[in-house]
Amino acid sequence: MAAERPNVIFVLTDDQGPWAAGCYGNDEIRTPNLDRLAAEGVRFDHFFCSTPVCSASRASFLTGKTASAHGVHDWIRGKNTGPDAASYLEGQVAYTDILAANGWTCGLSGKWHLGNSETPQHGFGHWFAHEKGGGDYNDALMVRDGKLQTIPGYVTTAMTDDALEFIDANAGQDPFYLSVHYTAPHSPWIGHPQEIVDSYADCAFVSCPQEPIHPDAGPLTHRMLGRREMLQGYFAAVTAMDADVGRLLDRLESLGIREDTLFVFTSDNGFSCGHHGFWGKGNGTYPLNMYENSVKVPFIVSHPGRIPAGQVAMALASAYDFMPTLLDYLGLDLPEETELPGRSFVPALMGEDDDGQEAVVIYDEYGPTRMVRTREWKYVHRYPDGPHELYDLGNDPDERNNRFEAPDQQERIAEMRGRLERWFTRYVNPEKDGLDRGVRGPGQLRPLGGKWEDGSEAFAQDWGEMLPSGRWKY
């Protein structure tokens, strides 16, 4: 019998495309433990991040808000450690704050990347955090006991080792919540277990077509496109991570608490490895893109004894729905002081019909680029003056035919743009609105508002030097 106050494990990967798992139909990449998780629970085929870049998406998962409400619009490039470290979600209510206040012991093992990696915050008592948001996969700098330490070995395994210690220490006690935030499969695509890299030597990579370079592709594409060793590295990072997910599941079973634990697996944003002619996510092109591979992520939930096994949910859901859903599932109330845009999708978790699901509309933003998506259509509006896009996803799921200029679609465009603007008017905090802040994709340098409003640029305008591995040197 599943526990009434279950433990929660939330596994969040970094830059994992929705195509990069066997249970999502990719027969080239090996993810036996994700496949096992999907077989034990529910796999969502249409789950969206709120912003197709890591820090902004992570902030939305935690707070239930969109970027123009919480103020994190790009990946955080500075002020993660040291005397000038900034807490980007200061003053915000995260679902972990609510869990901690209601008796859950909260732990983090892995990537934080929301500023001030040295200080536990938002209800977390256990804190084993990556120094920044990415870096070398071996001998990484991590924060333990408030101090930066070099942790020997492969960082994905080190994060899992720490997570297992947390599980062992808290099993059978008060319910626990554990965030396991891997940096995999984010760049660099070198330094992964060599036997796994070598195992993909003969892979055809049909799932990653190396298409002609997109006209708006950024510098990463020009360095990565067509390089088999980088594809091998990406696939190896996923497979190595999958093995560690298996270690987590095995430990829950060996401790006899698998049925007492809600297990969630997802990623912060999607990724393209040559799809549409670019490498990257929303900032893989400029203008910033909202392709399905950028905004869709894998999302798998399992809780044996409570969530029916072997489901595939076709519901449209977003990262900003996660906080309402988790709190609803756990029987906890949402914070009253803030109107949140999301809705609980617990009925979809439970395999129940949800009459309102067909009417769900998904919204995304990345600086001046905003998206509204129904089940059949997607409209992308770029402020102030385009280019704009309209896709008939029912007949053009790969987004090849932009219908924005089609005379017979102008009424639809007007309706979708109106819907987009009404939604953002309702949920935006004007002080944190990213519409005209100069968000271009190379990173956020400081928080918006308060003591940080010193007239300096909040967003970087260039990438700096890129290393052969796909990392940038700042």
Protein backbone atom coordinates (compact mmCIF):
# COMPACT_ATOMS: atom_id res chain seq x y z
CA MET A 1 0.00 0.00 0.00
CA ALA A 2 1.40 3.40 -1.01
CA ALA A 3 2.15 5.83 1.82
CA GLU A 4 -0.29 8.68 2.50
CA ARG A 5 2.66 11.06 2.90
CA PRO A 6 5.05 9.63 0.32
CA ASN A 7 8.68 10.42 -0.21
CA VAL A 8 9.40 12.27 -3.44
CA ILE A 9 12.42 11.89 -5.70
CA PHE A 10 12.66 14.44 -8.50
CA VAL A 11 15.32 13.62 -11.09
CA LEU A 12 16.10 16.53 -13.41
CA THR A 13 18.53 16.13 -16.30
CA ASP A 14 20.10 18.92 -18.32
CA ASP A 15 19.54 19.37 -22.07
CA GLN A 16 17.80 16.06 -22.72
CA GLY A 17 15.76 16.09 -25.87
CA PRO A 18 12.38 14.34 -25.80
CA TRP A 19 13.74 11.92 -28.40
CA ALA A 20 16.71 10.85 -26.20
CA ALA A 21 15.16 7.86 -24.43
CA GLY A 22 14.18 4.42 -25.57
CA CYS A 23 10.69 4.67 -24.09
CA TYR A 24 10.07 7.68 -26.34
CA GLY A 25 10.69 5.59 -29.44
CA ASN A 26 14.45 5.90 -29.95
CA ASP A 27 15.84 2.40 -30.58
CA GLU A 28 19.43 3.67 -30.88
CA ILE A 29 19.97 5.08 -27.39
CA ARG A 30 20.10 2.71 -24.41
CA THR A 31 17.98 3.82 -21.44
CA PRO A 32 16.78 0.58 -19.80
CA ASN A 33 16.02 2.23 -16.47
CA LEU A 34 13.98 5.07 -17.93
CA ASP A 35 12.13 2.44 -19.93
CA ARG A 36 11.59 0.50 -16.70
CA LEU A 37 10.32 3.63 -14.96
CA ALA A 38 7.87 4.31 -17.80
CA ALA A 39 6.64 0.71 -17.65
CA GLU A 40 5.97 1.17 -13.92
CA GLY A 41 4.11 4.45 -14.28
CA VAL A 42 3.01 7.11 -16.74
CA ARG A 43 4.95 8.67 -19.60
CA PHE A 44 3.84 12.08 -20.87
CA ASP A 45 4.21 12.57 -24.61
CA HIS A 46 3.49 16.32 -24.56
CA PHE A 47 5.28 17.88 -21.61
CA PHE A 48 6.83 21.33 -22.07
CA CYS A 49 9.43 23.38 -20.27
CA SER A 50 8.39 26.99 -19.61
CA THR A 51 11.53 28.48 -21.15
CA PRO A 52 13.91 26.44 -23.37
CA VAL A 53 17.01 27.20 -21.29
CA CYS A 54 18.18 25.67 -18.03
CA SER A 55 18.04 28.21 -15.17
CA ALA A 56 14.77 29.82 -16.25
CA SER A 57 13.12 26.42 -16.62
CA ARG A 58 14.38 25.26 -13.22
CA ALA A 59 12.99 28.39 -11.58
CA SER A 60 9.58 27.69 -13.14
CA PHE A 61 9.54 24.08 -11.93
CA LEU A 62 10.28 25.29 -8.40
CA THR A 63 7.96 28.31 -8.20
CA GLY A 64 5.15 27.52 -10.62
CA LYS A 65 5.75 30.86 -12.30
CA THR A 66 6.80 31.84 -15.77
CA ALA A 67 10.09 33.67 -16.38
CA SER A 68 8.49 37.12 -16.52
CA ALA A 69 7.05 36.53 -13.06
CA HIS A 70 10.12 35.07 -11.28
CA GLY A 71 12.73 37.07 -13.22
CA VAL A 72 15.14 34.33 -14.32
CA HIS A 73 15.17 34.58 -18.11
CA ASP A 74 18.41 32.94 -19.19
CA TRP A 75 21.04 30.54 -17.89
CA ILE A 76 22.86 32.15 -14.98
CA ARG A 77 26.31 33.12 -16.12
CA GLY A 78 27.59 34.85 -13.00
CA LYS A 79 27.19 35.35 -9.25
CA ASN A 80 26.92 31.63 -8.45
CA THR A 81 29.69 31.56 -5.82
CA GLY A 82 31.95 33.94 -3.96
CA PRO A 83 31.28 37.19 -2.08
CA ASP A 84 29.01 38.55 -4.82
CA ALA A 85 26.87 35.42 -5.08
CA ALA A 86 23.23 36.27 -5.69
CA SER A 87 20.13 34.28 -4.76
CA TYR A 88 18.03 34.67 -7.89
CA LEU A 89 14.83 33.36 -6.29
CA GLU A 90 15.06 35.48 -3.15
CA GLY A 91 11.57 36.36 -1.97
CA GLN A 92 9.91 33.66 -4.09
CA VAL A 93 7.96 30.71 -2.66
CA ALA A 94 9.18 27.36 -3.97
CA TYR A 95 7.29 24.12 -3.51
CA THR A 96 10.23 22.89 -1.44
CA ASP A 97 9.53 25.71 1.05
CA ILE A 98 6.01 24.32 1.42
CA LEU A 99 7.18 20.72 1.71
CA ALA A 100 9.74 21.62 4.38
CA ALA A 101 7.12 23.56 6.34
CA ASN A 102 4.88 20.48 6.27
CA GLY A 103 7.39 17.98 7.57
CA TRP A 104 9.29 16.76 4.50
CA THR A 105 13.08 16.61 4.88
CA CYS A 106 14.43 18.21 1.70
CA GLY A 107 17.74 17.43 0.01
CA LEU A 108 19.58 18.49 -3.13
CA SER A 109 22.19 16.35 -4.87
CA GLY A 110 23.47 17.98 -8.04
CA LYS A 111 22.94 21.09 -10.08
CA TRP A 112 21.29 24.18 -8.60
CA HIS A 113 22.21 26.95 -11.09
CA LEU A 114 19.86 29.52 -9.58
CA GLY A 115 22.59 31.59 -7.97
CA ASN A 116 24.42 31.30 -4.66
CA SER A 117 25.33 27.64 -4.95
CA GLU A 118 27.14 27.81 -1.60
CA THR A 119 24.08 28.40 0.60
CA PRO A 120 21.17 26.01 1.22
CA GLN A 121 17.89 27.77 0.52
CA HIS A 122 14.17 27.22 -0.10
CA GLY A 123 13.68 24.52 2.49
CA PHE A 124 16.67 22.37 1.58
CA GLY A 125 18.53 21.03 4.59
CA HIS A 126 20.85 18.68 2.72
CA TRP A 127 22.88 20.54 0.07
CA PHE A 128 25.40 18.96 -2.30
CA ALA A 129 25.42 21.45 -5.15
CA HIS A 130 27.41 21.89 -8.33
CA GLU A 131 29.56 25.01 -8.30
CA LYS A 132 27.99 26.45 -11.45
CA GLY A 133 25.65 24.90 -13.95
CA GLY A 134 27.99 22.68 -15.91
CA GLY A 135 31.60 21.83 -16.41
CA ASP A 136 34.00 18.93 -16.68
CA TYR A 137 32.48 15.54 -15.93
CA ASN A 138 35.45 14.38 -13.90
CA ASP A 139 36.77 15.78 -10.62
CA ALA A 140 34.07 18.46 -10.50
CA LEU A 141 33.85 21.29 -8.00
CA MET A 142 30.88 20.75 -5.68
CA VAL A 143 29.63 22.51 -2.55
CA ARG A 144 29.51 20.36 0.57
CA ASP A 145 29.09 21.81 4.07
CA GLY A 146 29.28 25.30 2.61
CA LYS A 147 32.69 24.75 1.03
CA LEU A 148 33.81 24.15 -2.53
CA GLN A 149 35.47 20.76 -2.83
CA THR A 150 36.88 18.79 -5.73
CA ILE A 151 34.94 15.54 -5.82
CA PRO A 152 36.97 12.79 -7.46
CA GLY A 153 35.51 10.64 -10.22
CA TYR A 154 32.65 10.93 -12.67
CA VAL A 155 30.28 13.67 -11.54
CA THR A 156 27.03 11.87 -12.44
CA THR A 157 28.06 8.96 -10.23
CA ALA A 158 29.19 11.30 -7.44
CA MET A 159 25.78 12.99 -7.42
CA THR A 160 24.08 9.61 -7.22
CA ASP A 161 26.39 8.45 -4.42
CA ASP A 162 25.38 11.50 -2.40
CA ALA A 163 21.70 10.94 -3.19
CA LEU A 164 21.93 7.32 -2.01
CA GLU A 165 23.49 8.43 1.26
CA PHE A 166 20.60 10.87 1.75
CA ILE A 167 18.06 8.10 1.04
CA ASP A 168 19.77 5.71 3.45
CA ALA A 169 19.83 8.36 6.19
CA ASN A 170 16.16 9.28 5.82
CA ALA A 171 14.44 6.01 4.94
CA GLY A 172 11.83 5.12 7.55
CA GLN A 173 11.94 8.60 9.09
CA ASP A 174 9.75 11.59 8.25
CA PRO A 175 8.91 11.73 4.54
CA PHE A 176 11.73 13.08 2.42
CA TYR A 177 11.97 15.08 -0.77
CA LEU A 178 15.14 14.69 -2.85
CA SER A 179 16.15 16.64 -5.94
CA VAL A 180 18.72 14.73 -7.99
CA HIS A 181 19.82 17.24 -10.59
CA TYR A 182 22.29 15.78 -13.07
CA THR A 183 24.40 17.93 -15.38
CA ALA A 184 24.12 15.17 -18.00
CA PRO A 185 23.80 15.25 -20.93
CA HIS A 186 24.85 18.94 -21.09
CA SER A 187 28.16 19.75 -22.78
CA PRO A 188 31.01 18.93 -22.75
CA TRP A 189 30.45 15.73 -24.71
CA ILE A 190 33.81 14.35 -23.66
CA GLY A 191 34.98 12.72 -20.44
CA HIS A 192 32.23 10.11 -20.24
CA PRO A 193 32.88 6.43 -19.40
CA GLN A 194 34.94 5.22 -22.34
CA GLU A 195 33.31 1.81 -22.56
CA ILE A 196 29.92 3.49 -23.03
CA VAL A 197 31.31 5.95 -25.57
CA ASP A 198 32.88 3.07 -27.52
CA SER A 199 29.62 1.13 -27.45
CA TYR A 200 28.12 3.77 -29.76
CA ALA A 201 30.97 3.59 -32.28
CA ASP A 202 28.83 1.82 -34.88
CA CYS A 203 25.61 3.71 -34.18
CA ALA A 204 23.97 5.10 -37.32
CA PHE A 205 22.48 8.05 -35.38
CA VAL A 206 19.37 8.01 -37.53
CA SER A 207 17.63 9.67 -34.58
CA CYS A 208 19.95 12.69 -34.95
CA PRO A 209 19.89 13.75 -38.61
CA GLN A 210 22.74 16.14 -39.37
CA GLU A 211 20.69 18.52 -41.48
CA PRO A 212 22.02 21.51 -43.45
CA ILE A 213 22.98 24.35 -41.13
CA HIS A 214 20.01 26.42 -40.00
CA PRO A 215 20.33 30.01 -41.26
CA ASP A 216 20.01 31.32 -37.69
CA ALA A 217 22.29 28.72 -36.08
CA GLY A 218 24.72 29.85 -33.41
CA PRO A 219 28.44 29.09 -33.06
CA LEU A 220 27.88 25.76 -31.30
CA THR A 221 26.28 24.33 -34.41
CA HIS A 222 29.21 25.26 -36.61
CA ARG A 223 31.56 23.42 -34.26
CA MET A 224 29.41 20.35 -33.55
CA LEU A 225 27.36 19.52 -36.63
CA GLY A 226 28.52 16.29 -38.28
CA ARG A 227 30.96 15.29 -35.53
CA ARG A 228 30.23 11.65 -34.67
CA GLU A 229 32.38 11.77 -31.56
CA MET A 230 30.10 14.46 -30.12
CA LEU A 231 27.01 12.36 -30.84
CA GLN A 232 28.70 9.42 -29.13
CA GLY A 233 29.44 11.65 -26.14
CA TYR A 234 25.84 12.87 -25.90
CA PHE A 235 24.43 9.35 -26.10
CA ALA A 236 27.02 8.08 -23.59
CA ALA A 237 26.11 10.84 -21.12
CA VAL A 238 22.45 9.76 -21.29
CA THR A 239 23.22 6.06 -20.92
CA ALA A 240 25.58 6.65 -17.98
CA MET A 241 22.94 8.81 -16.30
CA ASP A 242 20.32 6.13 -16.93
CA ALA A 243 22.48 3.60 -15.06
CA ASP A 244 22.49 5.89 -12.04
CA VAL A 245 18.71 6.27 -12.19
CA GLY A 246 18.69 2.50 -11.94
CA ARG A 247 20.84 2.69 -8.81
CA LEU A 248 18.28 5.01 -7.22
CA LEU A 249 15.39 2.69 -8.07
CA ASP A 250 17.30 -0.35 -6.84
CA ARG A 251 18.07 1.32 -3.52
CA LEU A 252 14.41 2.22 -2.95
CA GLU A 253 13.49 -1.41 -3.60
CA SER A 254 16.21 -2.83 -1.37
CA LEU A 255 15.09 -0.57 1.49
CA GLY A 256 11.46 -1.58 0.98
CA ILE A 257 10.29 1.98 0.31
CA ARG A 258 9.61 1.90 -3.44
CA GLU A 259 5.86 1.93 -2.86
CA ASP A 260 6.31 4.78 -0.39
CA THR A 261 8.03 6.98 -2.98
CA LEU A 262 6.78 9.13 -5.83
CA PHE A 263 9.50 9.11 -8.49
CA VAL A 264 9.56 11.86 -11.13
CA PHE A 265 11.96 12.05 -14.07
CA THR A 266 12.21 15.01 -16.43
CA SER A 267 14.64 17.50 -18.01
CA ASP A 268 14.99 21.26 -17.82
CA ASN A 269 14.72 21.79 -21.58
CA GLY A 270 14.91 19.88 -24.82
CA PHE A 271 17.83 19.70 -27.19
CA SER A 272 18.67 19.26 -30.85
CA CYS A 273 21.74 17.38 -32.04
CA GLY A 274 21.49 18.36 -35.69
CA HIS A 275 17.70 18.36 -35.91
CA HIS A 276 16.54 21.36 -37.96
CA GLY A 277 20.20 22.01 -38.72
CA PHE A 278 21.44 23.18 -35.32
CA TRP A 279 22.88 21.97 -32.02
CA GLY A 280 21.35 23.34 -28.86
CA LYS A 281 18.07 24.42 -27.33
CA GLY A 282 16.21 27.75 -27.42
CA ASN A 283 19.47 29.67 -27.70
CA GLY A 284 20.83 27.29 -30.34
CA THR A 285 19.63 29.88 -32.85
CA TYR A 286 19.20 33.62 -32.89
CA PRO A 287 16.44 34.71 -33.09
CA LEU A 288 15.75 32.35 -30.20
CA ASN A 289 13.67 29.35 -31.25
CA MET A 290 10.62 27.50 -29.96
CA TYR A 291 10.94 24.28 -31.96
CA GLU A 292 9.33 21.22 -30.38
CA ASN A 293 12.75 19.67 -29.72
CA SER A 294 13.64 22.76 -27.68
CA VAL A 295 10.45 23.15 -25.66
CA LYS A 296 9.38 19.51 -25.13
CA VAL A 297 11.03 17.32 -22.50
CA PRO A 298 10.66 13.75 -21.27
CA PHE A 299 8.38 13.49 -18.24
CA ILE A 300 7.84 10.17 -16.47
CA VAL A 301 6.15 9.60 -13.10
CA SER A 302 5.92 6.37 -11.12
CA HIS A 303 4.41 5.49 -7.76
CA PRO A 304 3.67 1.75 -7.51
CA GLY A 305 0.41 1.02 -5.72
CA ARG A 306 -1.02 4.44 -6.47
CA ILE A 307 -0.28 5.50 -10.06
CA PRO A 308 -1.37 2.87 -12.60
CA ALA A 309 1.51 1.28 -14.52
CA GLY A 310 2.21 1.37 -18.24
CA GLN A 311 0.28 4.51 -19.13
CA VAL A 312 0.98 7.00 -21.90
CA ALA A 313 -0.61 10.39 -21.17
CA MET A 314 -1.42 12.58 -24.15
CA ALA A 315 -2.34 15.57 -21.96
CA LEU A 316 -0.59 18.88 -22.64
CA ALA A 317 1.27 19.94 -19.51
CA SER A 318 4.04 22.37 -18.59
CA ALA A 319 6.72 22.95 -16.00
CA TYR A 320 4.56 25.68 -14.46
CA ASP A 321 1.91 22.98 -13.83
CA PHE A 322 4.31 20.89 -11.78
CA MET A 323 4.06 22.78 -8.48
CA PRO A 324 0.21 22.73 -8.43
CA THR A 325 0.27 19.05 -9.39
CA LEU A 326 2.80 17.95 -6.79
CA LEU A 327 1.10 19.83 -3.97
CA ASP A 328 -2.28 18.49 -5.05
CA TYR A 329 -0.91 14.94 -5.12
CA LEU A 330 0.53 15.38 -1.62
CA GLY A 331 -2.61 17.05 -0.25
CA LEU A 332 -0.94 20.42 0.37
CA ASP A 333 -2.25 23.89 -0.38
CA LEU A 334 -0.84 26.35 -2.87
CA PRO A 335 0.43 29.69 -1.55
CA GLU A 336 -2.45 32.15 -1.41
CA GLU A 337 -0.61 35.37 -2.09
CA THR A 338 0.25 34.69 -5.73
CA GLU A 339 -1.92 33.72 -8.67
CA LEU A 340 -0.14 30.94 -10.52
CA PRO A 341 -0.73 30.11 -14.18
CA GLY A 342 -0.60 26.32 -13.85
CA ARG A 343 -3.19 23.66 -13.09
CA SER A 344 -2.94 20.26 -11.47
CA PHE A 345 -2.70 17.35 -13.88
CA VAL A 346 -3.20 14.71 -11.17
CA PRO A 347 -6.11 13.20 -13.14
CA ALA A 348 -3.71 12.46 -16.00
CA LEU A 349 -1.31 10.82 -13.53
CA MET A 350 -4.09 8.60 -12.29
CA GLY A 351 -5.25 7.56 -15.75
CA GLU A 352 -8.56 9.36 -15.34
CA ASP A 353 -10.44 11.28 -18.00
CA ASP A 354 -10.05 15.03 -17.69
CA ASP A 355 -12.74 16.85 -19.60
CA GLY A 356 -10.82 20.10 -19.42
CA GLN A 357 -7.60 18.74 -20.84
CA GLU A 358 -8.54 19.26 -24.47
CA ALA A 359 -8.81 22.99 -23.80
CA VAL A 360 -5.31 23.26 -22.32
CA VAL A 361 -3.04 25.76 -24.06
CA ILE A 362 0.73 25.88 -23.49
CA TYR A 363 2.68 29.12 -23.24
CA ASP A 364 6.44 29.59 -23.42
CA GLU A 365 8.77 32.55 -23.39
CA TYR A 366 12.44 33.25 -23.90
CA GLY A 367 13.11 36.97 -23.67
CA PRO A 368 11.39 38.67 -26.61
CA THR A 369 10.21 35.35 -28.08
CA ARG A 370 6.84 34.04 -26.91
CA MET A 371 4.83 30.99 -27.92
CA VAL A 372 1.26 29.82 -27.64
CA ARG A 373 0.52 26.19 -28.54
CA THR A 374 -2.72 24.28 -28.77
CA ARG A 375 -2.97 20.59 -29.57
CA GLU A 376 -2.93 21.31 -33.32
CA TRP A 377 -1.33 24.75 -33.81
CA LYS A 378 1.70 26.69 -32.63
CA TYR A 379 2.18 30.44 -32.95
CA VAL A 380 5.54 32.07 -32.18
CA HIS A 381 5.67 35.86 -31.81
CA ARG A 382 8.95 37.75 -31.60
CA TYR A 383 8.84 41.26 -30.24
CA PRO A 384 9.09 43.91 -31.49
CA ASP A 385 8.90 43.00 -35.18
CA GLY A 386 9.42 39.30 -35.86
CA PRO A 387 10.08 37.03 -37.57
CA HIS A 388 6.89 35.24 -36.52
CA GLU A 389 5.88 31.63 -37.13
CA LEU A 390 2.70 29.59 -37.39
CA TYR A 391 2.74 25.79 -37.66
CA ASP A 392 -0.05 23.33 -38.36
CA LEU A 393 1.25 20.63 -36.02
CA GLY A 394 -1.48 18.20 -36.98
CA ASN A 395 -0.23 18.06 -40.58
CA ASP A 396 3.31 19.38 -40.09
CA PRO A 397 4.58 17.97 -36.78
CA ASP A 398 8.22 18.62 -37.72
CA GLU A 399 7.56 22.36 -38.20
CA ARG A 400 8.81 22.68 -41.76
CA ASN A 401 6.11 24.89 -43.28
CA ASN A 402 5.70 28.32 -41.69
CA ARG A 403 2.11 29.42 -42.41
CA PHE A 404 2.46 32.93 -41.00
CA GLU A 405 2.09 34.62 -44.38
CA ALA A 406 -0.78 32.40 -45.56
CA PRO A 407 -3.85 34.54 -46.35
CA ASP A 408 -6.25 31.91 -45.01
CA GLN A 409 -4.48 31.89 -41.60
CA GLN A 410 -4.67 35.57 -40.69
CA GLU A 411 -7.80 35.19 -38.57
CA ARG A 412 -6.20 32.31 -36.68
CA ILE A 413 -3.02 34.34 -36.13
CA ALA A 414 -4.99 37.28 -34.74
CA GLU A 415 -6.87 34.98 -32.36
CA MET A 416 -3.72 33.21 -31.15
CA ARG A 417 -1.78 36.44 -30.72
CA GLY A 418 -4.64 37.89 -28.70
CA ARG A 419 -4.71 34.81 -26.51
CA LEU A 420 -0.94 35.02 -26.04
CA GLU A 421 -0.97 38.67 -25.02
CA ARG A 422 -3.91 38.29 -22.63
CA TRP A 423 -2.19 35.40 -20.86
CA PHE A 424 1.10 37.21 -20.40
CA THR A 425 -0.66 40.41 -19.32
CA ARG A 426 -2.31 38.39 -16.58
CA TYR A 427 0.77 36.58 -15.26
CA VAL A 428 3.71 38.93 -15.87
CA ASN A 429 5.32 40.94 -13.08
CA PRO A 430 6.18 44.23 -14.83
CA GLU A 431 9.40 44.56 -12.81
CA LYS A 432 10.60 41.18 -14.07
CA ASP A 433 9.18 41.21 -17.59
CA GLY A 434 11.76 39.93 -20.07
CA LEU A 435 10.14 41.34 -23.18
CA ASP A 436 12.56 44.22 -23.77
CA ARG A 437 15.45 43.31 -21.45
CA GLY A 438 17.89 42.32 -24.19
CA VAL A 439 17.73 38.57 -23.58
CA ARG A 440 19.74 37.00 -26.41
CA GLY A 441 20.80 33.60 -25.02
CA PRO A 442 24.41 34.05 -23.81
CA GLY A 443 23.42 34.22 -20.15
CA GLN A 444 22.05 36.31 -17.26
CA LEU A 445 24.58 38.31 -15.27
CA ARG A 446 22.55 39.49 -12.27
CA PRO A 447 19.04 39.31 -10.83
CA LEU A 448 16.39 41.80 -11.87
CA GLY A 449 15.11 44.38 -9.42
CA GLY A 450 16.02 45.46 -5.92
CA LYS A 451 19.64 46.08 -4.96
CA TRP A 452 20.81 44.71 -8.31
CA GLU A 453 19.28 47.56 -10.31
CA ASP A 454 22.51 49.51 -10.66
CA GLY A 455 22.21 50.38 -14.34
CA SER A 456 24.45 47.53 -15.51
CA GLU A 457 23.40 45.11 -18.19
CA ALA A 458 21.52 42.14 -16.75
CA PHE A 459 22.06 39.93 -19.81
CA ALA A 460 25.21 39.09 -21.73
CA GLN A 461 25.18 40.01 -25.39
CA ASP A 462 27.93 37.68 -26.63
CA TRP A 463 29.10 34.16 -25.93
CA GLY A 464 32.82 34.59 -25.49
CA GLU A 465 35.32 31.97 -26.62
CA MET A 466 34.08 28.45 -27.31
CA LEU A 467 36.29 25.45 -26.62
CA PRO A 468 36.46 22.42 -28.96
CA SER A 469 34.32 20.38 -26.54
CA GLY A 470 31.34 22.70 -26.94
CA ARG A 471 31.87 24.59 -23.68
CA TRP A 472 32.38 28.34 -23.55
CA LYS A 473 35.36 29.95 -21.86
CA TYR A 474 34.38 33.14 -20.06
